[in-house]
Each structure stands twice: as C-alpha cells, then as structure tokens.
C-alpha atoms as a PDB file:
ATOM      1  CA  MET A   1      50.194  14.644 -10.415  1.00  0.00           C
ATOM      2  CA  ALA A   2      52.720  12.290 -12.051  1.00  0.00           C
ATOM      3  CA  PRO A   3      55.659  11.056  -9.969  1.00  0.00           C
ATOM      4  CA  THR A   4      59.099  12.366 -10.908  1.00  0.00           C
ATOM      5  CA  GLY A   5      62.683  11.309 -10.297  1.00  0.00           C
ATOM      6  CA  GLY A   6      62.353   8.266  -8.047  1.00  0.00           C
ATOM      7  CA  ASP A   7      59.014   9.191  -6.473  1.00  0.00           C
ATOM      8  CA  SER A   8      56.548   6.391  -5.902  1.00  0.00           C
ATOM      9  CA  LEU A   9      52.795   6.549  -6.220  1.00  0.00           C
ATOM     10  CA  THR A  10      51.179   7.741  -3.025  1.00  0.00           C
ATOM     11  CA  ALA A  11      47.506   7.754  -2.187  1.00  0.00           C
ATOM     12  CA  TYR A  12      46.133  10.570  -0.095  1.00  0.00           C
ATOM     13  CA  SER A  13      42.584   9.343  -0.434  1.00  0.00           C
ATOM     14  CA  PHE A  14      40.603   6.661  -2.200  1.00  0.00           C
ATOM     15  CA  GLU A  15      37.109   5.820  -3.372  1.00  0.00           C
ATOM     16  CA  PHE A  16      35.542   2.356  -3.390  1.00  0.00           C
ATOM     17  CA  SER A  17      32.428   1.675  -5.444  1.00  0.00           C
ATOM     18  CA  VAL A  18      30.251  -1.354  -6.179  1.00  0.00           C
ATOM     19  CA  ASP A  19      28.364  -1.461  -9.491  1.00  0.00           C
ATOM     20  CA  GLY A  20      29.038   2.274  -9.876  1.00  0.00           C
ATOM     21  CA  THR A  21      27.645   3.234  -6.450  1.00  0.00           C
ATOM     22  CA  ALA A  22      30.219   4.759  -4.082  1.00  0.00           C
ATOM     23  CA  ILE A  23      30.317   2.972  -0.725  1.00  0.00           C
ATOM     24  CA  PRO A  24      30.047   5.650   1.988  1.00  0.00           C
ATOM     25  CA  ASN A  25      32.339   5.916   5.001  1.00  0.00           C
ATOM     26  CA  VAL A  26      35.051   3.503   3.876  1.00  0.00           C
ATOM     27  CA  HIS A  27      37.678   3.399   6.593  1.00  0.00           C
ATOM     28  CA  ALA A  28      40.187   0.989   5.005  1.00  0.00           C
ATOM     29  CA  VAL A  29      40.756  -1.405   2.111  1.00  0.00           C
ATOM     30  CA  ASN A  30      43.121  -4.167   3.199  1.00  0.00           C
ATOM     31  CA  SER A  31      44.996  -7.154   1.867  1.00  0.00           C
ATOM     32  CA  ILE A  32      44.140  -7.028  -1.826  1.00  0.00           C
ATOM     33  CA  LYS A  33      45.544 -10.324  -3.001  1.00  0.00           C
ATOM     34  CA  LYS A  34      45.409 -12.200  -6.323  1.00  0.00           C
ATOM     35  CA  ASP A  35      47.374 -15.382  -6.926  1.00  0.00           C
ATOM     36  CA  VAL A  36      48.297 -17.636  -9.796  1.00  0.00           C
ATOM     37  CA  ALA A  37      49.010 -21.326  -9.349  1.00  0.00           C
ATOM     38  CA  ILE A  38      52.607 -22.416  -9.866  1.00  0.00           C
ATOM     39  CA  ILE A  39      53.116 -25.872 -11.356  1.00  0.00           C
ATOM     40  CA  GLU A  40      56.313 -27.650 -10.413  1.00  0.00           C
ATOM     41  CA  THR A  41      57.641 -30.492 -12.540  1.00  0.00           C
ATOM     42  CA  LYS A  42      60.522 -32.785 -11.658  1.00  0.00           C
ATOM     43  CA  SER A  43      62.141 -35.124 -14.159  1.00  0.00           C
ATOM     44  CA  MET A  44      65.363 -36.822 -15.162  1.00  0.00           C
ATOM     45  CA  THR A  45      67.223 -36.299 -18.432  1.00  0.00           C
ATOM     46  CA  PRO A  46      68.488 -39.310 -20.431  1.00  0.00           C
ATOM     47  CA  GLU A  47      71.916 -38.457 -18.984  1.00  0.00           C
ATOM     48  CA  GLY A  48      70.591 -38.882 -15.445  1.00  0.00           C
ATOM     49  CA  LEU A  49      70.474 -35.187 -14.505  1.00  0.00           C
ATOM     50  CA  PHE A  50      67.684 -34.032 -12.224  1.00  0.00           C
ATOM     51  CA  VAL A  51      65.562 -31.228 -13.707  1.00  0.00           C
ATOM     52  CA  ASN A  52      63.287 -29.109 -11.528  1.00  0.00           C
ATOM     53  CA  GLN A  53      61.108 -26.616 -13.406  1.00  0.00           C
ATOM     54  CA  LYS A  54      58.311 -24.247 -12.497  1.00  0.00           C
ATOM     55  CA  MET A  55      55.702 -22.698 -14.758  1.00  0.00           C
ATOM     56  CA  TYR A  56      52.540 -20.693 -14.447  1.00  0.00           C
ATOM     57  CA  GLY A  57      49.264 -22.519 -13.978  1.00  0.00           C
ATOM     58  CA  PRO A  58      45.721 -21.177 -13.968  1.00  0.00           C
ATOM     59  CA  PRO A  59      44.914 -17.875 -12.251  1.00  0.00           C
ATOM     60  CA  GLN A  60      43.236 -18.114  -8.854  1.00  0.00           C
ATOM     61  CA  SER A  61      40.482 -15.933  -7.452  1.00  0.00           C
ATOM     62  CA  GLY A  62      41.450 -12.976  -5.282  1.00  0.00           C
ATOM     63  CA  GLU A  63      40.479 -11.633  -1.891  1.00  0.00           C
ATOM     64  CA  MET A  64      40.391  -8.349  -0.013  1.00  0.00           C
ATOM     65  CA  SER A  65      38.742  -6.826   3.018  1.00  0.00           C
ATOM     66  CA  LEU A  66      36.880  -3.552   3.309  1.00  0.00           C
ATOM     67  CA  THR A  67      36.329  -1.772   6.634  1.00  0.00           C
ATOM     68  CA  VAL A  68      33.410   0.658   6.690  1.00  0.00           C
ATOM     69  CA  LEU A  69      31.635   2.682   9.333  1.00  0.00           C
ATOM     70  CA  ASN A  70      28.262   1.062   9.855  1.00  0.00           C
ATOM     71  CA  THR A  71      25.642   3.649   8.911  1.00  0.00           C
ATOM     72  CA  GLY A  72      22.768   1.299   8.131  1.00  0.00           C
ATOM     73  CA  ASP A  73      22.949   2.330   4.464  1.00  0.00           C
ATOM     74  CA  LYS A  74      20.533  -0.023   2.648  1.00  0.00           C
ATOM     75  CA  ALA A  75      22.612  -0.041  -0.558  1.00  0.00           C
ATOM     76  CA  VAL A  76      25.483  -1.580   1.374  1.00  0.00           C
ATOM     77  CA  THR A  77      23.624  -3.830   3.796  1.00  0.00           C
ATOM     78  CA  GLY A  78      21.199  -5.064   1.108  1.00  0.00           C
ATOM     79  CA  TRP A  79      24.056  -6.297  -1.065  1.00  0.00           C
ATOM     80  CA  LEU A  80      25.815  -7.873   1.910  1.00  0.00           C
ATOM     81  CA  MET A  81      22.744  -9.791   3.000  1.00  0.00           C
ATOM     82  CA  LYS A  82      22.009 -11.014  -0.537  1.00  0.00           C
ATOM     83  CA  GLY A  83      25.520 -12.409  -0.703  1.00  0.00           C
ATOM     84  CA  LEU A  84      25.416 -14.052   2.704  1.00  0.00           C
ATOM     85  CA  GLN A  85      22.063 -15.643   1.865  1.00  0.00           C
ATOM     86  CA  GLY A  86      23.556 -17.258  -1.249  1.00  0.00           C
ATOM     87  CA  ASP A  87      21.857 -15.110  -3.915  1.00  0.00           C
ATOM     88  CA  GLN A  88      24.258 -15.807  -6.802  1.00  0.00           C
ATOM     89  CA  ALA A  89      22.805 -13.199  -9.174  1.00  0.00           C
ATOM     90  CA  GLY A  90      22.071 -10.442  -6.641  1.00  0.00           C
ATOM     91  CA  GLY A  91      25.265 -10.974  -4.669  1.00  0.00           C
ATOM     92  CA  ARG A  92      27.703 -10.957  -7.613  1.00  0.00           C
ATOM     93  CA  LYS A  93      28.908  -7.414  -8.379  1.00  0.00           C
ATOM     94  CA  THR A  94      31.725  -5.417  -9.957  1.00  0.00           C
ATOM     95  CA  ALA A  95      33.841  -3.099  -7.834  1.00  0.00           C
ATOM     96  CA  LYS A  96      36.337  -0.304  -8.379  1.00  0.00           C
ATOM     97  CA  LEU A  97      39.024   1.161  -6.133  1.00  0.00           C
ATOM     98  CA  VAL A  98      40.413   4.550  -7.171  1.00  0.00           C
ATOM     99  CA  TYR A  99      43.567   5.858  -5.480  1.00  0.00           C
ATOM    100  CA  LYS A 100      43.748   9.668  -5.485  1.00  0.00           C
ATOM    101  CA  ASP A 101      46.624  12.088  -4.931  1.00  0.00           C
ATOM    102  CA  THR A 102      46.614  15.232  -2.807  1.00  0.00           C
ATOM    103  CA  THR A 103      44.748  17.155  -5.516  1.00  0.00           C
ATOM    104  CA  GLY A 104      42.020  14.502  -5.825  1.00  0.00           C
ATOM    105  CA  ALA A 105      43.238  13.304  -9.229  1.00  0.00           C
ATOM    106  CA  ALA A 106      43.160   9.547  -9.837  1.00  0.00           C
ATOM    107  CA  VAL A 107      46.637   8.008  -9.821  1.00  0.00           C
ATOM    108  CA  LEU A 108      45.660   4.322  -9.986  1.00  0.00           C
ATOM    109  CA  THR A 109      42.413   2.460 -10.618  1.00  0.00           C
ATOM    110  CA  MET A 110      41.757  -1.180  -9.783  1.00  0.00           C
ATOM    111  CA  GLU A 111      38.680  -2.903 -11.183  1.00  0.00           C
ATOM    112  CA  PHE A 112      37.370  -6.186  -9.770  1.00  0.00           C
ATOM    113  CA  SER A 113      34.911  -8.549 -11.457  1.00  0.00           C
ATOM    114  CA  ASP A 114      32.477 -11.073  -9.977  1.00  0.00           C
ATOM    115  CA  VAL A 115      32.858  -9.718  -6.443  1.00  0.00           C
ATOM    116  CA  LEU A 116      31.153 -11.824  -3.759  1.00  0.00           C
ATOM    117  CA  VAL A 117      30.763 -11.153  -0.039  1.00  0.00           C
ATOM    118  CA  SER A 118      32.508 -13.965   1.839  1.00  0.00           C
ATOM    119  CA  SER A 119      32.266 -12.683   5.425  1.00  0.00           C
ATOM    120  CA  ILE A 120      31.195  -9.839   7.684  1.00  0.00           C
ATOM    121  CA  ASP A 121      32.869  -9.059  11.005  1.00  0.00           C
ATOM    122  CA  TYR A 122      31.108  -6.509  13.184  1.00  0.00           C
ATOM    123  CA  GLY A 123      34.061  -6.312  15.564  1.00  0.00           C
ATOM    124  CA  SER A 124      33.706  -5.717  19.275  1.00  0.00           C
ATOM    125  CA  LEU A 125      31.580  -3.459  21.402  1.00  0.00           C
ATOM    126  CA  THR A 126      32.562  -2.455  24.920  1.00  0.00           C
ATOM    127  CA  ALA A 127      30.128  -1.128  27.509  1.00  0.00           C
ATOM    128  CA  GLY A 128      30.675   2.562  28.114  1.00  0.00           C
ATOM    129  CA  ASP A 129      33.024   2.926  25.140  1.00  0.00           C
ATOM    130  CA  ALA A 130      32.119   5.794  22.818  1.00  0.00           C
ATOM    131  CA  ALA A 131      33.241   4.396  19.484  1.00  0.00           C
ATOM    132  CA  ALA A 132      31.929   4.222  15.953  1.00  0.00           C
ATOM    133  CA  ILE A 133      30.518   0.858  14.908  1.00  0.00           C
ATOM    134  CA  GLN A 134      32.632  -0.559  12.124  1.00  0.00           C
ATOM    135  CA  MET A 135      32.264  -3.681  10.061  1.00  0.00           C
ATOM    136  CA  THR A 136      34.904  -5.497   8.074  1.00  0.00           C
ATOM    137  CA  ILE A 137      33.611  -7.112   4.907  1.00  0.00           C
ATOM    138  CA  GLY A 138      35.538  -9.997   3.361  1.00  0.00           C
ATOM    139  CA  LEU A 139      35.302  -9.973  -0.430  1.00  0.00           C
ATOM    140  CA  SER A 140      36.268 -12.539  -3.034  1.00  0.00           C
ATOM    141  CA  PHE A 141      36.719 -11.651  -6.700  1.00  0.00           C
ATOM    142  CA  VAL A 142      37.500 -13.490  -9.921  1.00  0.00           C
ATOM    143  CA  ASP A 143      39.568 -10.979 -11.869  1.00  0.00           C
ATOM    144  CA  MET A 144      41.430  -7.741 -11.232  1.00  0.00           C
ATOM    145  CA  LYS A 145      42.573  -5.115 -13.731  1.00  0.00           C
ATOM    146  CA  THR A 146      44.790  -2.146 -12.945  1.00  0.00           C
ATOM    147  CA  THR A 147      44.879   1.053 -14.993  1.00  0.00           C
END
C-alpha cells in the first residue's frame, strides 16, 4: 500500500533473513547504522583568508543488532558460533530486512553484504521469573542497499 498525501512509510511487521533463510522469532532489529568518513581540510588563501572545507571520504562498515527469542535453532546458533570462532568463510553471510505493511506487502527492503557476528548478549535470567530467553546479536556489515 503506497503512502499518500504526507503519509510516511510504516512497518507493521518485518522479516529478517540470512543467506535466504528466514531467522525465526525475531523480536527486534535495532540501531541499523552506516557511516561515511568526512574529511576536513583547513587552508589559507593567498589573500590570507581562512578556508575550512569538508568532503566525503571512504565509506565505513555498518552495524546493527538483532534480538531473537532463543529457540536453539541450529541454523541460527551454528552461524553465530562459526562467526565467534573466527571462521571467515562460514561466518560471512548476506542478510535482508523486509519491512511489511498491514497487508503483508513489502514497503522497503534493505540488503546487507558481508555480514559478520560481532557479539552475542544472552541478557539476564532471574530466579523464579517466567520469561522467554532472548539473545541480542551484534552484527557488522560492509555494504547496505535499500530498495
């Protein structure tokens, strides 16, 4: 459903996949961030005027975090452990995040290349607390494309 007259894109649901395999029980995708270096130059003109300029430098890698319910799914935990053990080939993946509207139609797709696991946080457990076990996975990526 396309936005009209001042509406913004809204996401009712989303799907996160790694190498084409949907990650089950995703609770949240947070802090998707991609930076580019900014180069600052300072100089003087022949007339003695100070010149301060900024320009784009090389793109930097990006980061995000993914919170999932821990189900013991081997597709997820196998990839995580490969990454944390330093397996460069087995740990490097592609990922896709699809935002969906209230009808389930895709409204925005983000694709990430060379995704690596950088951290896993299993959170806290409290005695007597009936709560789902969640884990937050820190991810680093090289490039991001939005369609």
